Amino acid sequence: MNSGMRSGQPGSVVAFPSRVAGQIGFERAELQRILDLYGRMVAAGEWRDYAMDFTRDVAVFAAFRRTAEHPQARLEKRPALRNRQGMWTLFGEHGQVLKRGHELAGVLAPVERRLMKAVEG
């Protein structure tokens, strides 16, 4: 039933461009939890900036004390590791692994404890 119309002409059907195949991202609840913690760390004066990166293998949230530095904390989500040590990893300022796990809340615990110390002191 091709009426001879070329793609892009009025009345022709154009396929909707699909998302990047297999791109990893944060779910809404995960991002809400991460940004809530980020906001509390900003209010405590610990963080000032953040960056996010999304690839086929990993989604990264990095928090900075100052914009021109290395991230003070970096949270990675790697679904490929879901059945191994867990898909969540928290890295420290010097690249050391602070916590790994299957649940986001457990992996964010070291940052939560640091926040409590900053608020108390």
C-alpha atoms as a PDB file:
ATOM      1  CA  MET A   1       0.000   0.000   0.000  1.00  0.00           C
ATOM      2  CA  ASN A   2       2.796   2.382  -0.770  1.00  0.00           C
ATOM      3  CA  SER A   3       1.312   5.438  -2.427  1.00  0.00           C
ATOM      4  CA  GLY A   4       4.702   6.586  -3.599  1.00  0.00           C
ATOM      5  CA  MET A   5       5.189   9.044  -0.725  1.00  0.00           C
ATOM      6  CA  ARG A   6       8.678   9.434   0.583  1.00  0.00           C
ATOM      7  CA  SER A   7       9.544   9.531   4.270  1.00  0.00           C
ATOM      8  CA  GLY A   8       9.063  12.968   5.791  1.00  0.00           C
ATOM      9  CA  GLN A   9       6.231  14.031   3.516  1.00  0.00           C
ATOM     10  CA  PRO A  10       2.843  14.863   4.996  1.00  0.00           C
ATOM     11  CA  GLY A  11       0.849  11.719   5.637  1.00  0.00           C
ATOM     12  CA  SER A  12       3.860   9.391   5.792  1.00  0.00           C
ATOM     13  CA  VAL A  13       4.626   7.316   8.886  1.00  0.00           C
ATOM     14  CA  VAL A  14       8.010   7.927  10.479  1.00  0.00           C
ATOM     15  CA  ALA A  15       9.319   5.472  13.059  1.00  0.00           C
ATOM     16  CA  PHE A  16       9.918   6.941  16.514  1.00  0.00           C
ATOM     17  CA  PRO A  17      13.643   6.925  17.308  1.00  0.00           C
ATOM     18  CA  SER A  18      14.351   4.403  20.030  1.00  0.00           C
ATOM     19  CA  ARG A  19      16.448   4.930  23.132  1.00  0.00           C
ATOM     20  CA  VAL A  20      20.101   4.059  23.043  1.00  0.00           C
ATOM     21  CA  ALA A  21      20.118   0.268  23.179  1.00  0.00           C
ATOM     22  CA  GLY A  22      20.911  -1.037  26.629  1.00  0.00           C
ATOM     23  CA  GLN A  23      21.750   2.290  28.261  1.00  0.00           C
ATOM     24  CA  ILE A  24      21.878   2.016  32.058  1.00  0.00           C
ATOM     25  CA  GLY A  25      20.095   4.638  34.147  1.00  0.00           C
ATOM     26  CA  PHE A  26      18.677   5.280  37.597  1.00  0.00           C
ATOM     27  CA  GLU A  27      15.073   4.452  38.350  1.00  0.00           C
ATOM     28  CA  ARG A  28      12.948   7.287  39.711  1.00  0.00           C
ATOM     29  CA  ALA A  29      13.032   5.998  43.326  1.00  0.00           C
ATOM     30  CA  GLU A  30      16.805   5.473  43.185  1.00  0.00           C
ATOM     31  CA  LEU A  31      17.424   8.957  41.845  1.00  0.00           C
ATOM     32  CA  GLN A  32      15.061  10.431  44.453  1.00  0.00           C
ATOM     33  CA  ARG A  33      17.048   8.740  47.235  1.00  0.00           C
ATOM     34  CA  ILE A  34      20.391   9.871  45.797  1.00  0.00           C
ATOM     35  CA  LEU A  35      19.297  13.490  45.247  1.00  0.00           C
ATOM     36  CA  ASP A  36      17.742  13.634  48.724  1.00  0.00           C
ATOM     37  CA  LEU A  37      21.079  12.657  50.255  1.00  0.00           C
ATOM     38  CA  TYR A  38      22.869  15.111  47.952  1.00  0.00           C
ATOM     39  CA  GLY A  39      20.582  17.940  49.112  1.00  0.00           C
ATOM     40  CA  ARG A  40      21.228  17.172  52.762  1.00  0.00           C
ATOM     41  CA  MET A  41      25.001  17.068  52.136  1.00  0.00           C
ATOM     42  CA  VAL A  42      24.788  20.459  50.376  1.00  0.00           C
ATOM     43  CA  ALA A  43      22.841  21.878  53.347  1.00  0.00           C
ATOM     44  CA  ALA A  44      25.568  20.552  55.690  1.00  0.00           C
ATOM     45  CA  GLY A  45      28.240  22.281  53.562  1.00  0.00           C
ATOM     46  CA  GLU A  46      29.924  19.028  52.491  1.00  0.00           C
ATOM     47  CA  TRP A  47      29.093  18.985  48.766  1.00  0.00           C
ATOM     48  CA  ARG A  48      28.594  21.740  46.201  1.00  0.00           C
ATOM     49  CA  ASP A  49      28.238  20.090  42.817  1.00  0.00           C
ATOM     50  CA  TYR A  50      27.379  16.792  41.155  1.00  0.00           C
ATOM     51  CA  ALA A  51      27.635  15.041  37.814  1.00  0.00           C
ATOM     52  CA  MET A  52      25.916  12.044  36.268  1.00  0.00           C
ATOM     53  CA  ASP A  53      27.104   9.781  33.474  1.00  0.00           C
ATOM     54  CA  PHE A  54      25.178   7.020  31.702  1.00  0.00           C
ATOM     55  CA  THR A  55      26.715   4.360  29.463  1.00  0.00           C
ATOM     56  CA  ARG A  56      25.766   0.881  28.291  1.00  0.00           C
ATOM     57  CA  ASP A  57      27.460  -0.708  31.311  1.00  0.00           C
ATOM     58  CA  VAL A  58      27.148   1.746  34.184  1.00  0.00           C
ATOM     59  CA  ALA A  59      25.241   4.718  35.589  1.00  0.00           C
ATOM     60  CA  VAL A  60      27.385   7.027  37.739  1.00  0.00           C
ATOM     61  CA  PHE A  61      26.510   9.766  40.234  1.00  0.00           C
ATOM     62  CA  ALA A  62      29.524  11.770  41.420  1.00  0.00           C
ATOM     63  CA  ALA A  63      29.424  14.392  44.202  1.00  0.00           C
ATOM     64  CA  PHE A  64      32.046  17.131  44.468  1.00  0.00           C
ATOM     65  CA  ARG A  65      33.201  19.342  47.307  1.00  0.00           C
ATOM     66  CA  ARG A  66      34.425  21.846  44.718  1.00  0.00           C
ATOM     67  CA  THR A  67      33.727  21.779  40.995  1.00  0.00           C
ATOM     68  CA  ALA A  68      37.339  21.495  39.836  1.00  0.00           C
ATOM     69  CA  GLU A  69      38.244  18.516  42.047  1.00  0.00           C
ATOM     70  CA  HIS A  70      37.977  14.782  41.861  1.00  0.00           C
ATOM     71  CA  PRO A  71      34.624  13.592  43.212  1.00  0.00           C
ATOM     72  CA  GLN A  72      34.436  13.204  46.969  1.00  0.00           C
ATOM     73  CA  ALA A  73      32.053  10.293  46.480  1.00  0.00           C
ATOM     74  CA  ARG A  74      31.085   8.312  43.396  1.00  0.00           C
ATOM     75  CA  LEU A  75      28.143   5.933  43.265  1.00  0.00           C
ATOM     76  CA  GLU A  76      27.992   3.374  40.457  1.00  0.00           C
ATOM     77  CA  LYS A  77      25.136   1.149  39.364  1.00  0.00           C
ATOM     78  CA  ARG A  78      26.306  -1.879  37.346  1.00  0.00           C
ATOM     79  CA  PRO A  79      23.413  -4.277  36.716  1.00  0.00           C
ATOM     80  CA  ALA A  80      25.839  -6.849  35.254  1.00  0.00           C
ATOM     81  CA  LEU A  81      27.114  -7.416  38.835  1.00  0.00           C
ATOM     82  CA  ARG A  82      23.604  -7.919  40.265  1.00  0.00           C
ATOM     83  CA  ASN A  83      24.129 -11.640  40.883  1.00  0.00           C
ATOM     84  CA  ARG A  84      27.677 -11.299  42.177  1.00  0.00           C
ATOM     85  CA  GLN A  85      28.751  -8.724  44.774  1.00  0.00           C
ATOM     86  CA  GLY A  86      25.805  -6.429  44.057  1.00  0.00           C
ATOM     87  CA  MET A  87      25.148  -3.801  41.437  1.00  0.00           C
ATOM     88  CA  TRP A  88      25.819  -0.799  43.716  1.00  0.00           C
ATOM     89  CA  THR A  89      29.342   0.433  44.541  1.00  0.00           C
ATOM     90  CA  LEU A  90      30.367   3.506  46.531  1.00  0.00           C
ATOM     91  CA  PHE A  91      33.844   4.866  45.835  1.00  0.00           C
ATOM     92  CA  GLY A  92      35.727   7.344  48.014  1.00  0.00           C
ATOM     93  CA  GLU A  93      37.665  10.435  47.038  1.00  0.00           C
ATOM     94  CA  HIS A  94      40.820   8.503  46.112  1.00  0.00           C
ATOM     95  CA  GLY A  95      39.022   5.748  44.194  1.00  0.00           C
ATOM     96  CA  GLN A  96      38.887   3.243  47.041  1.00  0.00           C
ATOM     97  CA  VAL A  97      35.799   1.047  47.322  1.00  0.00           C
ATOM     98  CA  LEU A  98      33.922   2.091  50.464  1.00  0.00           C
ATOM     99  CA  LYS A  99      30.914  -0.206  50.132  1.00  0.00           C
ATOM    100  CA  ARG A 100      29.353  -2.717  47.728  1.00  0.00           C
ATOM    101  CA  GLY A 101      25.950  -4.235  47.902  1.00  0.00           C
ATOM    102  CA  HIS A 102      22.631  -5.288  46.454  1.00  0.00           C
ATOM    103  CA  GLU A 103      20.585  -2.530  48.133  1.00  0.00           C
ATOM    104  CA  LEU A 104      21.078   1.203  47.554  1.00  0.00           C
ATOM    105  CA  ALA A 105      20.284   2.123  51.169  1.00  0.00           C
ATOM    106  CA  GLY A 106      23.044  -0.116  52.538  1.00  0.00           C
ATOM    107  CA  VAL A 107      25.610   1.234  50.096  1.00  0.00           C
ATOM    108  CA  LEU A 108      24.754   4.843  50.991  1.00  0.00           C
ATOM    109  CA  ALA A 109      25.121   4.125  54.741  1.00  0.00           C
ATOM    110  CA  PRO A 110      28.750   5.400  55.035  1.00  0.00           C
ATOM    111  CA  VAL A 111      27.696   8.747  53.535  1.00  0.00           C
ATOM    112  CA  GLU A 112      24.663   8.895  55.840  1.00  0.00           C
ATOM    113  CA  ARG A 113      26.948   8.315  58.866  1.00  0.00           C
ATOM    114  CA  ARG A 114      29.296  11.048  57.648  1.00  0.00           C
ATOM    115  CA  LEU A 115      26.326  13.392  57.323  1.00  0.00           C
ATOM    116  CA  MET A 116      25.242  12.642  60.895  1.00  0.00           C
ATOM    117  CA  LYS A 117      28.762  13.461  62.143  1.00  0.00           C
ATOM    118  CA  ALA A 118      28.784  16.729  60.169  1.00  0.00           C
ATOM    119  CA  VAL A 119      25.390  17.764  61.558  1.00  0.00           C
ATOM    120  CA  GLU A 120      26.340  16.900  65.156  1.00  0.00           C
ATOM    121  CA  GLY A 121      29.769  18.532  65.062  1.00  0.00           C
END
